[in-house]
Protein backbone atom coordinates (compact mmCIF):
# COMPACT_ATOMS: atom_id res chain seq x y z
CA UNK A 1 -21.27 -14.11 -5.41
CA UNK A 2 -18.41 -12.65 -3.24
CA UNK A 3 -17.40 -9.10 -2.18
CA UNK A 4 -14.65 -7.24 -3.61
CA UNK A 5 -12.29 -5.89 -0.86
CA UNK A 6 -11.15 -2.56 -0.59
CA UNK A 7 -7.13 -2.10 0.37
CA UNK A 8 -6.15 1.30 2.16
CA UNK A 9 -2.38 1.94 2.82
CA UNK A 10 -1.69 5.31 5.24
CA UNK A 11 1.71 6.04 5.26
CA UNK A 12 4.64 8.67 5.44
CA UNK A 13 7.22 8.78 2.96
CA UNK A 14 11.01 8.92 3.91
CA UNK A 15 11.76 11.94 1.66
CA UNK A 16 15.47 10.64 1.73
CA UNK A 17 14.70 7.29 0.02
CA UNK A 18 12.83 8.12 -2.94
CA UNK A 19 14.56 5.26 -5.21
CA UNK A 20 13.85 2.89 -2.19
CA UNK A 21 10.19 4.18 -2.59
CA UNK A 22 10.20 3.77 -6.77
CA UNK A 23 11.51 0.04 -6.43
CA UNK A 24 8.85 -0.52 -3.81
CA UNK A 25 6.05 0.84 -5.84
CA UNK A 26 6.63 -0.74 -9.03
CA UNK A 27 7.38 -4.34 -7.52
CA UNK A 28 4.44 -4.18 -5.26
CA UNK A 29 2.05 -2.61 -7.62
CA UNK A 30 3.03 -5.73 -9.94
CA UNK A 31 2.03 -8.36 -7.23
CA UNK A 32 -1.42 -6.44 -6.84
CA UNK A 33 -2.38 -6.16 -10.33
CA UNK A 34 -1.26 -10.20 -10.50
CA UNK A 35 -3.32 -10.56 -7.66
CA UNK A 36 -6.42 -9.01 -9.43
CA UNK A 37 -6.10 -5.23 -8.19
CA UNK A 38 -7.61 -2.51 -9.74
CA UNK A 39 -6.50 1.10 -8.57
CA UNK A 40 -8.82 3.40 -7.15
CA UNK A 41 -6.74 6.07 -6.13
CA UNK A 42 -3.24 7.66 -4.84
CA UNK A 43 -3.04 10.71 -2.92
CA UNK A 44 -0.92 13.19 -1.42
CA UNK A 45 -1.86 14.33 1.78
CA UNK A 46 -1.62 17.98 2.36
CA UNK A 47 -3.01 19.39 5.60
CA UNK A 48 -4.26 18.18 8.54
CA UNK A 49 -8.08 18.41 9.40
CA UNK A 50 -8.41 16.77 12.45
CA UNK A 51 -6.11 14.56 14.61
CA UNK A 52 -2.42 14.42 15.61
CA UNK A 53 -1.41 11.66 12.83
CA UNK A 54 -0.55 13.14 9.58
CA UNK A 55 0.16 10.22 6.79
CA UNK A 56 1.68 11.62 3.64
CA UNK A 57 0.40 9.02 1.21
CA UNK A 58 -2.98 7.22 1.09
CA UNK A 59 -3.54 4.44 -1.65
CA UNK A 60 -6.83 2.61 -2.40
CA UNK A 61 -7.04 -0.58 -4.70
CA UNK A 62 -10.18 -2.97 -5.16
CA UNK A 63 -9.03 -6.53 -4.92
CA UNK A 64 -11.51 -9.38 -5.73
CA UNK A 65 -11.21 -10.76 -1.74
CA UNK A 66 -9.95 -10.20 1.57
CA UNK A 67 -7.94 -13.31 1.23
CA UNK A 68 -6.31 -12.05 -1.99
CA UNK A 69 -4.67 -9.19 -0.26
CA UNK A 70 -3.89 -11.61 2.94
CA UNK A 71 -2.10 -14.11 0.33
CA UNK A 72 -0.05 -11.11 -1.67
CA UNK A 73 1.41 -9.84 1.99
CA UNK A 74 1.89 -13.12 2.74
CA UNK A 75 3.84 -14.00 -0.26
CA UNK A 76 7.42 -14.73 -0.34
CA UNK A 77 7.64 -12.14 -3.25
CA UNK A 78 5.95 -9.70 -0.96
CA UNK A 79 8.57 -10.64 1.95
CA UNK A 80 11.04 -10.06 0.13
CA UNK A 81 10.53 -6.17 -0.55
CA UNK A 82 10.67 -6.10 3.05
CA UNK A 83 14.17 -4.02 2.46
CA UNK A 84 13.17 -1.47 0.47
CA UNK A 85 9.74 -1.04 2.01
CA UNK A 86 11.44 -0.50 5.45
CA UNK A 87 13.35 2.46 3.56
CA UNK A 88 11.09 4.06 1.74
CA UNK A 89 8.44 4.65 4.51
CA UNK A 90 8.81 6.44 8.06
CA UNK A 91 5.48 4.77 8.73
CA UNK A 92 3.24 2.39 6.91
CA UNK A 93 -0.62 1.21 7.94
CA UNK A 94 -2.26 -1.21 5.70
CA UNK A 95 -5.99 -2.05 6.07
CA UNK A 96 -8.59 -4.08 4.69
CA UNK A 97 -12.07 -2.32 3.61
CA UNK A 98 -15.44 -2.80 2.64
């Protein structure tokens, strides 16, 4: 039996690009869903307690496997979202966890 994998996204949203964020989020959510992802949570961070970094958004999703996550990000469809992604976020970090 294979272990599921968790996708963790830490981001600083670009407040001047709400339309790009909406477009990117809608399209990437559909890609994730097609890859078998289940949303675990989406959080707007309000205050750092420790550390210097301060993402404004954290998203967590469960995928069937590490490979399912890698395939989404390597896909041509995802690559076409790069312009919206680059506008929507000031910083973006994506991790695979278990």
